[in-house]
Amino acid sequence: MKTFTKTTLALLTAAVMTTSAFANDTVEERLQSAKGSVEALGTTLENMGANVDTSVDLSGAYTFSQKASVYNAKHAELQEQFNTLNAQ
């Protein structure tokens, strides 16, 4: 029974560590996706003839989630500009 308990605890610990590692990758991937989204939309707007500012101020954004939020806000701003140009 003690061996079973030790094995179960070892598997549980490994699962938690693996989940933590995947969670970090997911947050980093979300940041990279948000960056790519801003760049792609900026390029599309430039191809449509718009003056585009894709710069993002990350001062005060210390975590990957905070940085991704800043990029998502910039994407929303650019999306609004795209919708306006597309409606004309």
Protein backbone atom coordinates (compact mmCIF):
# COMPACT_ATOMS: atom_id res chain seq x y z
CA MET A 1 0.00 0.00 0.00
CA LYS A 2 2.88 2.39 0.79
CA THR A 3 4.38 1.77 -2.65
CA PHE A 4 1.03 2.52 -4.27
CA THR A 5 0.74 5.79 -2.33
CA LYS A 6 4.29 6.83 -3.21
CA THR A 7 3.70 6.01 -6.87
CA THR A 8 0.44 7.94 -6.90
CA LEU A 9 2.06 10.97 -5.29
CA ALA A 10 4.96 10.84 -7.74
CA LEU A 11 2.58 10.70 -10.70
CA LEU A 12 0.48 13.52 -9.28
CA THR A 13 3.59 15.67 -8.75
CA ALA A 14 4.77 14.98 -12.30
CA ALA A 15 1.35 15.89 -13.68
CA VAL A 16 1.29 19.19 -11.79
CA MET A 17 4.80 20.08 -12.97
CA THR A 18 3.93 19.21 -16.56
CA THR A 19 0.74 21.25 -16.40
CA SER A 20 2.68 24.24 -15.08
CA ALA A 21 5.16 23.97 -17.93
CA PHE A 22 2.36 23.81 -20.49
CA ALA A 23 0.61 26.77 -18.87
CA ASN A 24 3.72 28.91 -19.30
CA ASP A 25 4.03 27.89 -22.94
CA THR A 26 0.39 28.75 -23.48
CA VAL A 27 0.81 32.25 -22.05
CA GLU A 28 3.92 32.83 -24.17
CA GLU A 29 2.10 31.51 -27.22
CA ARG A 30 -0.80 33.89 -26.58
CA LEU A 31 1.65 36.79 -26.45
CA GLN A 32 3.30 35.71 -29.70
CA SER A 33 -0.10 35.28 -31.31
CA ALA A 34 -1.18 38.75 -30.20
CA LYS A 35 2.05 40.27 -31.57
CA GLY A 36 1.61 38.48 -34.88
CA SER A 37 -1.99 39.57 -35.09
CA VAL A 38 -1.04 43.25 -34.68
CA GLU A 39 1.73 42.93 -37.26
CA ALA A 40 -0.53 41.18 -39.78
CA LEU A 41 -3.36 43.65 -39.40
CA GLY A 42 -0.89 46.53 -39.61
CA THR A 43 0.46 45.15 -42.90
CA THR A 44 -3.05 44.72 -44.25
CA LEU A 45 -3.90 48.31 -43.39
CA GLU A 46 -0.70 49.57 -45.02
CA ASN A 47 -1.61 47.63 -48.17
CA MET A 48 -4.98 49.38 -48.11
CA GLY A 49 -3.15 52.73 -48.11
CA ALA A 50 -3.67 53.65 -44.48
CA ASN A 51 -1.14 55.33 -42.21
CA VAL A 52 -0.63 52.77 -39.47
CA ASP A 53 1.07 52.94 -36.09
CA THR A 54 1.67 49.41 -34.82
CA SER A 55 3.91 50.49 -31.96
CA VAL A 56 2.95 49.22 -28.54
CA ASP A 57 4.01 50.71 -25.20
CA LEU A 58 4.77 47.83 -22.84
CA SER A 59 5.90 49.98 -19.91
CA GLY A 60 4.14 48.73 -16.84
CA ALA A 61 3.29 45.39 -18.44
CA TYR A 62 5.49 42.90 -16.63
CA THR A 63 3.82 39.52 -17.18
CA PHE A 64 3.10 37.73 -20.43
CA SER A 65 -0.63 38.12 -19.80
CA GLN A 66 -0.32 41.88 -19.28
CA LYS A 67 1.73 42.22 -22.45
CA ALA A 68 -0.76 40.14 -24.41
CA SER A 69 -3.56 42.40 -23.14
CA VAL A 70 -1.71 45.48 -24.44
CA TYR A 71 -1.26 43.84 -27.84
CA ASN A 72 -4.93 42.78 -27.89
CA ALA A 73 -5.97 46.37 -27.18
CA LYS A 74 -3.77 47.57 -30.05
CA HIS A 75 -5.33 44.92 -32.29
CA ALA A 76 -8.80 46.18 -31.37
CA GLU A 77 -7.73 49.72 -32.28
CA LEU A 78 -6.36 48.55 -35.63
CA GLN A 79 -9.44 46.42 -36.27
CA GLU A 80 -11.61 49.51 -35.81
CA GLN A 81 -9.44 51.36 -38.33
CA PHE A 82 -9.75 48.42 -40.74
CA ASN A 83 -13.54 48.33 -40.38
CA THR A 84 -13.75 52.05 -41.09
CA LEU A 85 -11.58 51.77 -44.21
CA ASN A 86 -13.41 48.68 -45.40
CA ALA A 87 -16.79 50.40 -45.07
CA GLN A 88 -15.77 53.24 -47.40
